[in-house]
Amino acid sequence: MAAGVIIRKYTGKDGSFGTLVSSLGIKRVDTCVPAVYSSERLGGRVIPADDASEAAYYCIYAEEDRKCTAYSMECVFKIHLEKAPDVQLSNIRIYPEGEPPMDGKVHPILRIGNSVGYSKPTNTKSQKAIHNIWDFSKEHPFYLTVAGLYGQVPDPSLGVSEYTVEYKDYGFGNVIALNGERQVAVPVATKTDSEKDIVVTFLNRSFNRSEDYTQEPANFIEFLGLKEDGTQELLGAPYVSVKKTVDGELLTLTVKKGDDNLMAKYPAGLIYRIPSFDGKEHPNSGYMVFWVPLYNSATGFGKPAYVPHRWFIQNRDNLTYKVTEEPTTQPGEKPVISFDVEARDEGCGHFVYYLNGVRAPQLIFDPGCIYHFVNHTGSAFPMRLVGNFNSPMASDINDVVTDGVIVLNGGTDEEEITIDVEAALKASRMVGGYQCVCAPYMGNVVYNHPLFMCGQYNMCRVGGGVYNPLLAGETDYVYLQLEVPGDAEPGYAVPQLHIEYDEN
């Protein structure tokens, strides 16, 4: 089904409503007077105008102050879905028609910008519309954002279905490295064209067994399914099989669909690790296989990779899997999820954060929740939230997320950090991790469910809300403003704008 989009213009106090429009107008600038306009039918003559609404060409001219600059009232709008597409709209973009004026004269500048948050239109210099429209073209357009993101940039790891497996010792015993990377998360997309099974293969590159298999397990990698109640169970046939090949051993993990749906059976995903043998377990040696809920035109959205009203800690090192009910809240209140934080010495002077007793877990933030951290070792190891998930420390003030964040008793042993994830998203900030201010690699990655799972997708669901790109039904706010120097040339035509998108 072909998508249908509409334009809504916003003029209110809080941006909670919008007027359906068929075109966007720039309000005439009145701060530089007298207003004048020129048109071809006037033979190029410039005349004052009490109401130039019928003129094709607008300009402002103030003879008494040729150096002044005037600004139109900001035009604020969004693109909304009226009819949902088969999958989603991506790369929603705007660009001007024609070529910029090249006559060497001074011309008014149409500026454009966008923002997750709304501010009431003003006729002073815009803080949002800051880009010259002529900086963009059909080949290099201005992209509209959704929750601060733009374009369709899926996680490249979603396309990986073949992994080479090596056992490597980084100083704490063997762990599994996949395609050369230590203990990586393995994403499996829920979107399929049919109910076909999904196959992921693992090739043994380093585990040498005895010929009779008497002392070693049948597989060189094992999988544990994570059930909804938090328990685990070992996967066997028909989900896992192994065979010899000319390159070594090839293990196949089959994510079965249909009546034997592995995703429904284990909604929180799987753990992979070095198999147990000789009476020894290797719980610290692998990581996660998780489900990525992508859109399907036939079935809608897959089951999310978390159970509503619960949260999971997925720990890279000891793979502790915990399920905790969210605390009771009043209607309309966001649940508060709390963590007790302490730094523990792991030897050689290297400290690591433990959250609720779990070593440096990866966290998943839900925009519908408030997250509260109490750092009991904050005097020596103050903790902050950072935007770059690769940051080893929270030492760059430009990387530390402060929007939506309240810090109390900072730098003490009762340091408290509270974040409203939705407020951070509205300010176009997204938390990528938590780290110490003064020591490296004490924390871990923070994902924003389900943003991290889906890549930067754009609109796909009517009325879906703006803060989740996977479900979004609208873009962020777009701002236009005309900037008019006092010595601008009369008779300049504001360029026509084209709005385009991809439907895929």
Protein backbone atom coordinates (compact mmCIF):
# COMPACT_ATOMS: atom_id res chain seq x y z
CA MET A 1 0.00 0.00 0.00
CA ALA A 2 1.39 3.38 -0.97
CA ALA A 3 1.98 5.74 1.92
CA GLY A 4 0.13 9.03 2.36
CA VAL A 5 1.67 12.03 4.11
CA ILE A 6 0.26 15.34 5.33
CA ILE A 7 1.83 18.59 6.53
CA ARG A 8 0.81 20.09 9.86
CA LYS A 9 1.80 23.63 10.76
CA TYR A 10 2.34 24.55 14.43
CA THR A 11 1.66 27.99 15.86
CA GLY A 12 0.63 27.24 19.44
CA LYS A 13 2.36 27.56 22.77
CA ASP A 14 3.42 23.97 23.32
CA GLY A 15 3.41 22.26 19.95
CA SER A 16 0.71 19.82 21.00
CA PHE A 17 -1.55 20.61 18.05
CA GLY A 18 -1.12 21.41 14.40
CA THR A 19 -3.18 22.81 11.57
CA LEU A 20 -3.45 20.70 8.43
CA VAL A 21 -2.13 22.79 5.53
CA SER A 22 -1.55 22.31 1.82
CA SER A 23 1.25 24.86 1.61
CA LEU A 24 3.70 26.64 3.91
CA GLY A 25 3.75 30.43 4.04
CA ILE A 26 6.41 32.77 5.37
CA LYS A 27 4.86 35.65 7.29
CA ARG A 28 5.88 39.05 5.91
CA VAL A 29 8.67 40.78 7.84
CA ASP A 30 7.42 43.95 9.49
CA THR A 31 10.36 44.96 11.65
CA CYS A 32 12.12 46.70 8.76
CA VAL A 33 9.87 49.33 7.19
CA PRO A 34 8.64 50.35 4.79
CA ALA A 35 7.91 46.96 3.22
CA VAL A 36 8.21 46.96 -0.53
CA TYR A 37 7.78 44.52 -3.34
CA SER A 38 8.40 44.31 -7.00
CA SER A 39 6.95 42.17 -9.74
CA GLU A 40 7.36 41.65 -13.44
CA ARG A 41 3.98 43.21 -14.19
CA LEU A 42 5.23 46.44 -12.58
CA GLY A 43 8.14 46.55 -15.00
CA GLY A 44 10.62 46.15 -12.19
CA ARG A 45 9.39 49.24 -10.31
CA VAL A 46 9.59 49.00 -6.52
CA ILE A 47 6.55 50.26 -4.61
CA PRO A 48 5.58 50.38 -0.92
CA ALA A 49 2.98 47.81 0.07
CA ASP A 50 0.40 47.86 2.82
CA ASP A 51 -0.53 44.32 1.91
CA ALA A 52 1.75 42.50 -0.47
CA SER A 53 0.05 39.14 -0.07
CA GLU A 54 -0.72 38.95 -3.79
CA ALA A 55 2.85 39.71 -4.86
CA ALA A 56 4.97 36.93 -6.29
CA TYR A 57 8.21 38.52 -5.10
CA TYR A 58 8.86 39.78 -1.60
CA CYS A 59 11.56 41.90 -0.04
CA ILE A 60 12.16 44.30 2.81
CA TYR A 61 13.90 47.61 2.36
CA ALA A 62 14.67 50.12 5.09
CA GLU A 63 16.34 53.16 3.54
CA GLU A 64 17.14 54.69 6.92
CA ASP A 65 19.18 51.67 8.06
CA ARG A 66 20.68 49.62 5.27
CA LYS A 67 22.71 47.55 7.78
CA CYS A 68 19.77 46.27 9.79
CA THR A 69 18.60 42.65 9.55
CA ALA A 70 14.99 41.53 9.87
CA TYR A 71 13.55 38.08 10.43
CA SER A 72 10.24 36.59 9.41
CA MET A 73 8.06 34.79 11.91
CA GLU A 74 9.29 31.19 12.11
CA CYS A 75 7.24 28.66 10.18
CA VAL A 76 7.10 25.41 12.19
CA PHE A 77 5.74 22.19 10.70
CA LYS A 78 5.90 18.40 10.72
CA ILE A 79 5.35 15.68 8.16
CA HIS A 80 2.73 13.17 9.39
CA LEU A 81 1.68 9.80 8.04
CA GLU A 82 -1.94 9.66 6.94
CA LYS A 83 -1.65 6.16 5.44
CA ALA A 84 0.97 3.68 6.58
CA PRO A 85 3.51 2.39 4.04
CA ASP A 86 4.27 -1.28 3.49
CA VAL A 87 7.41 -0.98 5.60
CA GLN A 88 8.57 2.56 6.41
CA LEU A 89 9.41 5.94 4.96
CA SER A 90 13.09 6.69 5.16
CA ASN A 91 15.38 9.50 4.07
CA ILE A 92 12.65 12.15 4.30
CA ARG A 93 14.28 15.18 2.72
CA ILE A 94 13.83 18.76 1.56
CA TYR A 95 15.73 20.70 -1.09
CA PRO A 96 15.22 23.96 -3.03
CA GLU A 97 14.26 24.13 -6.68
CA GLY A 98 16.63 25.79 -9.12
CA GLU A 99 19.97 27.45 -8.49
CA PRO A 100 20.96 30.08 -5.89
CA PRO A 101 21.21 33.69 -7.14
CA MET A 102 24.69 34.33 -8.54
CA ASP A 103 24.39 38.01 -9.53
CA GLY A 104 26.68 39.28 -6.77
CA LYS A 105 23.86 41.22 -5.09
CA VAL A 106 22.64 40.88 -1.49
CA HIS A 107 19.62 38.57 -1.22
CA PRO A 108 17.44 37.41 1.67
CA ILE A 109 18.33 33.96 3.05
CA LEU A 110 15.78 31.25 3.73
CA ARG A 111 17.06 29.23 6.69
CA ILE A 112 16.00 25.74 7.78
CA GLY A 113 16.54 23.47 10.78
CA ASN A 114 14.81 20.84 12.87
CA SER A 115 14.48 19.79 16.49
CA VAL A 116 12.88 17.08 18.62
CA GLY A 117 11.64 19.73 21.07
CA TYR A 118 9.18 22.49 20.27
CA SER A 119 9.62 26.22 20.83
CA LYS A 120 7.03 28.88 20.10
CA PRO A 121 7.64 30.67 16.77
CA THR A 122 9.54 33.95 17.08
CA ASN A 123 10.41 36.83 14.76
CA THR A 124 13.84 37.23 16.32
CA LYS A 125 16.84 35.29 15.03
CA SER A 126 15.95 31.59 15.12
CA GLN A 127 17.91 29.18 17.29
CA LYS A 128 16.61 26.22 15.23
CA ALA A 129 16.53 27.43 11.60
CA ILE A 130 20.26 27.98 11.17
CA HIS A 131 21.11 26.38 7.79
CA ASN A 132 21.01 28.26 4.50
CA ILE A 133 18.55 26.43 2.22
CA TRP A 134 20.97 26.90 -0.68
CA ASP A 135 23.49 24.70 1.12
CA PHE A 136 21.27 21.82 0.02
CA SER A 137 20.26 20.36 -3.33
CA LYS A 138 18.55 17.30 -4.80
CA GLU A 139 21.88 15.46 -4.68
CA HIS A 140 22.65 16.67 -1.13
CA PRO A 141 19.28 17.38 0.53
CA PHE A 142 18.35 18.50 4.02
CA TYR A 143 17.18 15.40 5.93
CA LEU A 144 14.27 15.58 8.35
CA THR A 145 14.83 13.78 11.64
CA VAL A 146 12.79 11.39 13.76
CA ALA A 147 13.77 11.39 17.45
CA GLY A 148 16.91 13.21 16.39
CA LEU A 149 17.84 10.53 13.85
CA TYR A 150 17.63 10.58 10.08
CA GLY A 151 17.95 8.23 7.17
CA GLN A 152 17.80 4.47 7.10
CA VAL A 153 20.98 3.08 8.57
CA PRO A 154 20.26 -0.42 9.89
CA ASP A 155 22.72 -2.10 12.22
CA PRO A 156 25.24 -3.71 9.81
CA SER A 157 25.55 -6.70 12.14
CA LEU A 158 21.96 -7.64 11.27
CA GLY A 159 23.20 -8.85 7.91
CA VAL A 160 25.80 -11.20 9.40
CA SER A 161 24.73 -14.86 9.53
CA GLU A 162 28.15 -16.59 9.43
CA TYR A 163 30.66 -16.46 12.28
CA THR A 164 34.10 -17.97 12.77
CA VAL A 165 34.62 -19.15 16.35
CA GLU A 166 37.92 -18.93 18.23
CA TYR A 167 38.80 -19.52 21.85
CA LYS A 168 41.07 -16.75 23.12
CA ASP A 169 42.56 -16.06 26.54
CA TYR A 170 42.69 -12.37 27.48
CA GLY A 171 44.18 -13.10 30.91
CA PHE A 172 41.10 -14.50 32.64
CA GLY A 173 40.71 -17.84 30.85
CA ASN A 174 39.29 -18.67 27.43
CA VAL A 175 36.39 -16.73 25.97
CA ILE A 176 34.69 -16.94 22.59
CA ALA A 177 35.68 -14.52 19.84
CA LEU A 178 33.33 -14.28 16.86
CA ASN A 179 34.81 -13.01 13.58
CA GLY A 180 37.80 -11.80 15.58
CA GLU A 181 35.83 -9.80 18.14
CA ARG A 182 35.55 -10.76 21.80
CA GLN A 183 32.14 -11.93 23.05
CA VAL A 184 29.98 -9.96 20.63
CA ALA A 185 26.20 -9.80 20.74
CA VAL A 186 24.56 -11.75 17.88
CA PRO A 187 21.40 -10.03 16.57
CA VAL A 188 18.74 -12.03 14.74
CA ALA A 189 16.06 -10.01 12.94
CA THR A 190 12.44 -11.08 13.39
CA LYS A 191 11.44 -9.76 9.98
CA THR A 192 11.16 -12.46 7.32
CA ASP A 193 9.33 -12.61 4.02
CA SER A 194 7.63 -15.78 5.19
CA GLU A 195 7.69 -18.16 8.13
CA LYS A 196 10.98 -19.65 6.95
CA ASP A 197 13.48 -20.68 9.59
CA ILE A 198 16.50 -18.40 10.14
CA VAL A 199 19.89 -20.10 9.97
CA VAL A 200 23.07 -18.80 11.66
CA THR A 201 26.29 -20.78 11.20
CA PHE A 202 29.43 -20.99 13.35
CA LEU A 203 32.73 -22.35 12.01
CA ASN A 204 35.23 -23.82 14.48
CA ARG A 205 38.68 -22.30 13.90
CA SER A 206 40.59 -23.19 17.06
CA PHE A 207 39.00 -25.91 19.21
CA ASN A 208 40.91 -29.19 18.62
CA ARG A 209 39.04 -32.26 19.86
CA SER A 210 40.10 -35.83 20.37
CA GLU A 211 39.05 -38.22 17.62
CA ASP A 212 36.68 -40.27 19.77
CA TYR A 213 34.86 -37.28 21.32
CA THR A 214 34.96 -39.15 24.65
CA GLN A 215 36.27 -36.34 26.80
CA GLU A 216 34.83 -33.39 24.96
CA PRO A 217 31.28 -32.21 24.26
CA ALA A 218 29.53 -32.91 20.98
CA ASN A 219 29.51 -29.19 20.11
CA PHE A 220 32.24 -26.55 20.31
CA ILE A 221 29.72 -23.86 21.29
CA GLU A 222 26.49 -24.27 23.26
CA PHE A 223 23.33 -22.20 23.57
CA LEU A 224 21.06 -21.63 26.55
CA GLY A 225 17.52 -20.38 26.00
CA LEU A 226 16.32 -17.59 28.33
CA LYS A 227 12.74 -18.23 29.36
CA GLU A 228 10.29 -15.55 30.42
CA ASP A 229 10.55 -16.56 34.10
CA GLY A 230 14.32 -16.04 34.07
CA THR A 231 15.33 -19.71 33.94
CA GLN A 232 17.66 -21.19 31.34
CA GLU A 233 17.67 -24.45 29.40
CA LEU A 234 20.18 -26.02 27.05
CA LEU A 235 19.32 -26.07 23.34
CA GLY A 236 19.77 -29.26 21.39
CA ALA A 237 18.26 -30.77 18.25
CA PRO A 238 16.50 -29.62 16.11
CA TYR A 239 17.81 -26.15 16.93
CA VAL A 240 21.54 -26.98 17.03
CA SER A 241 23.52 -29.38 14.83
CA VAL A 242 27.22 -29.78 13.98
CA LYS A 243 29.06 -31.49 11.12
CA LYS A 244 32.59 -31.79 9.78
CA THR A 245 33.56 -29.81 6.66
CA VAL A 246 36.76 -29.33 4.68
CA ASP A 247 37.39 -26.15 6.69
CA GLY A 248 36.74 -27.72 10.08
CA GLU A 249 33.51 -28.09 12.01
CA LEU A 250 30.37 -26.19 11.15
CA LEU A 251 27.68 -25.66 13.77
CA THR A 252 24.23 -24.55 12.66
CA LEU A 253 21.84 -22.65 14.91
CA THR A 254 18.35 -22.78 13.43
CA VAL A 255 15.95 -20.14 14.76
CA LYS A 256 12.77 -22.05 14.02
CA LYS A 257 9.59 -20.21 13.11
CA GLY A 258 6.01 -21.37 12.64
CA ASP A 259 4.64 -23.78 15.23
CA ASP A 260 8.03 -24.23 16.90
CA ASN A 261 8.88 -20.54 17.20
CA LEU A 262 12.18 -20.21 19.06
CA MET A 263 11.66 -16.48 19.56
CA ALA A 264 8.35 -17.07 21.32
CA LYS A 265 9.79 -19.92 23.36
CA TYR A 266 12.73 -17.83 24.58
CA PRO A 267 11.53 -14.20 24.40
CA ALA A 268 14.67 -12.75 26.02
CA GLY A 269 17.02 -14.48 23.56
CA LEU A 270 19.84 -16.96 24.05
CA ILE A 271 23.22 -17.19 25.75
CA TYR A 272 26.14 -18.70 23.86
CA ARG A 273 29.26 -20.00 25.64
CA ILE A 274 32.03 -22.60 25.68
CA PRO A 275 30.37 -25.96 26.43
CA SER A 276 30.61 -27.63 29.82
CA PHE A 277 32.79 -30.76 30.01
CA ASP A 278 35.05 -32.59 32.48
CA GLY A 279 32.70 -31.39 35.20
CA LYS A 280 33.59 -27.75 34.48
CA GLU A 281 31.29 -24.96 33.34
CA HIS A 282 32.37 -21.87 31.42
CA PRO A 283 29.62 -19.36 32.18
CA ASN A 284 31.80 -16.32 31.48
CA SER A 285 32.94 -17.30 28.03
CA GLY A 286 30.24 -15.97 25.65
CA TYR A 287 27.44 -13.48 25.39
CA MET A 288 23.94 -12.96 23.91
CA VAL A 289 21.88 -13.89 20.90
CA PHE A 290 18.93 -11.45 20.90
CA TRP A 291 15.87 -10.87 18.74
CA VAL A 292 15.51 -7.64 16.78
CA PRO A 293 11.83 -6.71 16.21
CA LEU A 294 11.64 -5.37 12.66
CA TYR A 295 8.49 -4.48 10.80
CA ASN A 296 6.73 -7.03 8.60
CA SER A 297 3.99 -5.89 6.23
CA ALA A 298 2.00 -9.06 6.81
CA THR A 299 2.31 -9.50 10.56
CA GLY A 300 3.22 -6.02 11.85
CA PHE A 301 5.91 -5.94 14.51
CA GLY A 302 7.55 -8.93 16.09
CA LYS A 303 7.49 -9.59 19.80
CA PRO A 304 9.78 -7.10 21.51
CA ALA A 305 13.04 -8.36 22.95
CA TYR A 306 11.89 -7.59 26.47
CA VAL A 307 8.87 -8.41 28.58
CA PRO A 308 6.76 -5.32 29.44
CA HIS A 309 6.97 -4.19 33.08
CA ARG A 310 10.22 -6.07 33.61
CA TRP A 311 13.86 -5.40 32.98
CA PHE A 312 16.82 -7.63 32.29
CA ILE A 313 20.47 -7.32 33.17
CA GLN A 314 22.56 -9.05 30.52
CA ASN A 315 26.07 -9.29 31.88
CA ARG A 316 29.01 -9.78 29.52
CA ASP A 317 31.15 -11.47 32.15
CA ASN A 318 29.06 -13.78 34.31
CA LEU A 319 25.92 -13.74 32.14
CA THR A 320 23.69 -13.24 35.15
CA TYR A 321 20.11 -13.08 33.97
CA LYS A 322 17.76 -11.33 36.37
CA VAL A 323 14.12 -10.48 36.12
CA THR A 324 12.77 -7.80 38.43
CA GLU A 325 9.23 -6.50 38.55
CA GLU A 326 9.02 -2.75 38.15
CA PRO A 327 7.90 -0.94 41.31
CA THR A 328 4.25 -0.03 41.65
CA THR A 329 3.41 3.48 40.43
CA GLN A 330 0.40 5.70 40.33
CA PRO A 331 -1.51 6.03 37.03
CA GLY A 332 0.33 8.41 34.71
CA GLU A 333 3.62 8.15 36.63
CA LYS A 334 6.71 6.65 35.11
CA PRO A 335 8.18 3.66 36.96
CA VAL A 336 11.54 4.30 38.62
CA ILE A 337 14.23 1.65 38.17
CA SER A 338 17.01 1.97 40.75
CA PHE A 339 20.59 0.77 40.83
CA ASP A 340 23.02 0.69 43.76
CA VAL A 341 26.45 1.40 42.32
CA GLU A 342 29.85 0.63 43.83
CA ALA A 343 33.36 0.42 42.42
CA ARG A 344 35.30 -2.77 43.21
CA ASP A 345 39.03 -3.35 42.84
CA GLU A 346 39.69 -6.27 40.50
CA GLY A 347 43.41 -6.26 41.02
CA CYS A 348 46.31 -4.27 39.62
CA GLY A 349 44.49 -1.09 40.61
CA HIS A 350 41.71 -1.57 38.05
CA PHE A 351 38.25 -0.73 39.39
CA VAL A 352 34.94 -1.69 37.81
CA TYR A 353 31.39 -0.58 38.57
CA TYR A 354 28.98 -3.14 40.01
CA LEU A 355 25.27 -2.34 39.60
CA ASN A 356 22.99 -4.16 42.03
CA GLY A 357 25.83 -6.63 42.53
CA VAL A 358 26.33 -7.34 38.83
CA ARG A 359 29.65 -6.51 37.19
CA ALA A 360 29.37 -3.62 34.68
CA PRO A 361 26.18 -4.82 32.96
CA GLN A 362 24.94 -3.49 29.66
CA LEU A 363 21.67 -1.65 30.27
CA ILE A 364 18.60 -1.09 28.13
CA PHE A 365 16.84 2.25 28.72
CA ASP A 366 13.11 2.51 28.08
CA PRO A 367 11.78 6.06 27.35
CA GLY A 368 8.78 5.23 29.55
CA CYS A 369 10.93 4.83 32.68
CA ILE A 370 13.01 6.91 35.08
CA TYR A 371 16.45 5.50 35.98
CA HIS A 372 17.99 6.25 39.35
CA PHE A 373 21.62 5.47 40.28
CA VAL A 374 23.08 5.80 43.81
CA ASN A 375 26.88 5.68 43.60
CA HIS A 376 28.25 4.67 47.01
CA THR A 377 31.84 5.18 45.83
CA GLY A 378 31.25 8.53 44.14
CA SER A 379 33.89 10.42 46.12
CA ALA A 380 36.67 8.41 44.45
CA PHE A 381 34.86 7.28 41.28
CA PRO A 382 32.11 9.73 40.26
CA MET A 383 29.89 8.31 37.51
CA ARG A 384 28.19 10.11 34.60
CA LEU A 385 26.11 9.18 31.56
CA VAL A 386 27.76 9.67 28.15
CA GLY A 387 26.46 9.90 24.61
CA ASN A 388 29.23 7.96 22.85
CA PHE A 389 29.03 4.26 23.68
CA ASN A 390 32.75 3.95 22.79
CA SER A 391 33.82 6.51 25.41
CA PRO A 392 36.14 4.89 27.99
CA MET A 393 35.60 7.79 30.43
CA ALA A 394 33.09 10.53 31.14
CA SER A 395 35.80 13.18 30.94
CA ASP A 396 34.67 15.08 27.81
CA ILE A 397 32.14 17.72 28.89
CA ASN A 398 30.66 17.72 25.38
CA ASP A 399 29.96 13.99 25.61
CA VAL A 400 28.37 13.95 29.09
CA VAL A 401 24.57 13.89 28.81
CA THR A 402 22.96 16.56 31.00
CA ASP A 403 19.55 16.97 29.34
CA GLY A 404 16.93 15.14 31.37
CA VAL A 405 19.59 14.34 33.99
CA ILE A 406 19.66 15.46 37.65
CA VAL A 407 22.82 14.92 39.72
CA LEU A 408 22.64 15.29 43.51
CA ASN A 409 25.57 15.09 45.95
CA GLY A 410 27.98 14.84 43.03
CA GLY A 411 31.45 13.55 43.91
CA THR A 412 30.36 12.10 47.26
CA ASP A 413 29.64 8.58 48.46
CA GLU A 414 25.91 9.28 48.21
CA GLU A 415 26.05 10.53 44.63
CA GLU A 416 22.65 10.25 42.94
CA ILE A 417 22.02 10.38 39.19
CA THR A 418 18.48 10.40 37.82
CA ILE A 419 17.58 10.43 34.14
CA ASP A 420 14.27 10.86 32.37
CA VAL A 421 15.09 9.13 29.08
CA GLU A 422 12.19 10.75 27.23
CA ALA A 423 13.35 14.23 28.27
CA ALA A 424 16.84 13.45 26.99
CA LEU A 425 15.42 12.28 23.66
CA LYS A 426 13.34 15.44 23.34
CA ALA A 427 16.57 17.40 23.66
CA SER A 428 18.11 15.25 20.89
CA ARG A 429 20.44 13.46 23.32
CA MET A 430 20.63 9.72 23.64
CA VAL A 431 22.61 7.94 26.35
CA GLY A 432 25.21 5.55 24.96
CA GLY A 433 26.90 4.42 28.16
CA TYR A 434 27.88 5.06 31.77
CA GLN A 435 31.49 5.67 32.78
CA CYS A 436 33.65 7.15 35.50
CA VAL A 437 34.82 10.76 35.30
CA CYS A 438 38.40 9.98 36.31
CA ALA A 439 39.15 6.31 35.51
CA PRO A 440 38.73 4.42 32.20
CA TYR A 441 36.59 1.38 31.34
CA MET A 442 34.67 1.10 34.59
CA GLY A 443 31.19 1.06 33.03
CA ASN A 444 29.51 -0.31 29.95
CA VAL A 445 27.15 0.39 27.07
CA VAL A 446 23.58 1.69 27.44
CA TYR A 447 21.09 0.84 24.70
CA ASN A 448 17.86 2.75 24.16
CA HIS A 449 15.15 0.19 23.52
CA PRO A 450 14.26 -0.33 20.82
CA LEU A 451 16.29 2.39 19.08
CA PHE A 452 19.56 0.48 19.16
CA MET A 453 17.97 -2.64 17.75
CA CYS A 454 16.49 -1.07 14.67
CA GLY A 455 19.08 1.31 13.34
CA GLN A 456 17.92 4.75 12.32
CA TYR A 457 14.55 4.01 10.77
CA ASN A 458 12.00 6.67 9.95
CA MET A 459 8.21 6.78 9.90
CA CYS A 460 6.06 3.70 9.46
CA ARG A 461 2.99 3.70 11.74
CA VAL A 462 0.12 6.20 11.72
CA GLY A 463 -0.10 7.86 15.14
CA GLY A 464 2.98 5.98 16.25
CA GLY A 465 4.59 8.79 18.25
CA VAL A 466 7.85 10.56 17.54
CA TYR A 467 10.22 9.18 20.20
CA ASN A 468 10.55 5.68 18.79
CA PRO A 469 11.76 5.70 15.16
CA LEU A 470 10.57 2.13 14.64
CA LEU A 471 6.99 3.06 15.47
CA ALA A 472 7.05 6.72 14.49
CA GLY A 473 4.21 8.35 12.60
CA GLU A 474 5.72 11.81 12.28
CA THR A 475 8.98 13.67 11.84
CA ASP A 476 10.50 16.05 14.34
CA TYR A 477 9.64 19.78 14.09
CA VAL A 478 11.01 21.60 11.06
CA TYR A 479 11.69 25.36 11.24
CA LEU A 480 11.85 27.85 8.38
CA GLN A 481 12.77 31.52 8.73
CA LEU A 482 13.56 34.28 6.23
CA GLU A 483 16.57 36.42 7.13
CA VAL A 484 16.51 39.79 5.34
CA PRO A 485 19.46 42.20 5.38
CA GLY A 486 18.47 45.87 5.14
CA ASP A 487 20.35 46.26 1.87
CA ALA A 488 18.84 43.14 0.26
CA GLU A 489 17.90 43.38 -3.39
CA PRO A 490 14.13 43.87 -3.96
CA GLY A 491 12.38 41.40 -6.17
CA TYR A 492 13.99 38.21 -4.85
CA ALA A 493 11.87 35.05 -5.10
CA VAL A 494 11.98 32.62 -2.16
CA PRO A 495 12.78 29.22 -3.73
CA GLN A 496 10.18 26.54 -4.08
CA LEU A 497 10.86 23.55 -1.81
CA HIS A 498 10.57 19.88 -2.70
CA ILE A 499 9.78 17.24 -0.07
CA GLU A 500 10.72 13.68 -1.00
CA TYR A 501 11.08 10.32 0.74
CA ASP A 502 11.88 6.69 0.07
CA GLU A 503 9.33 3.98 0.74
CA ASN A 504 10.91 0.64 1.47
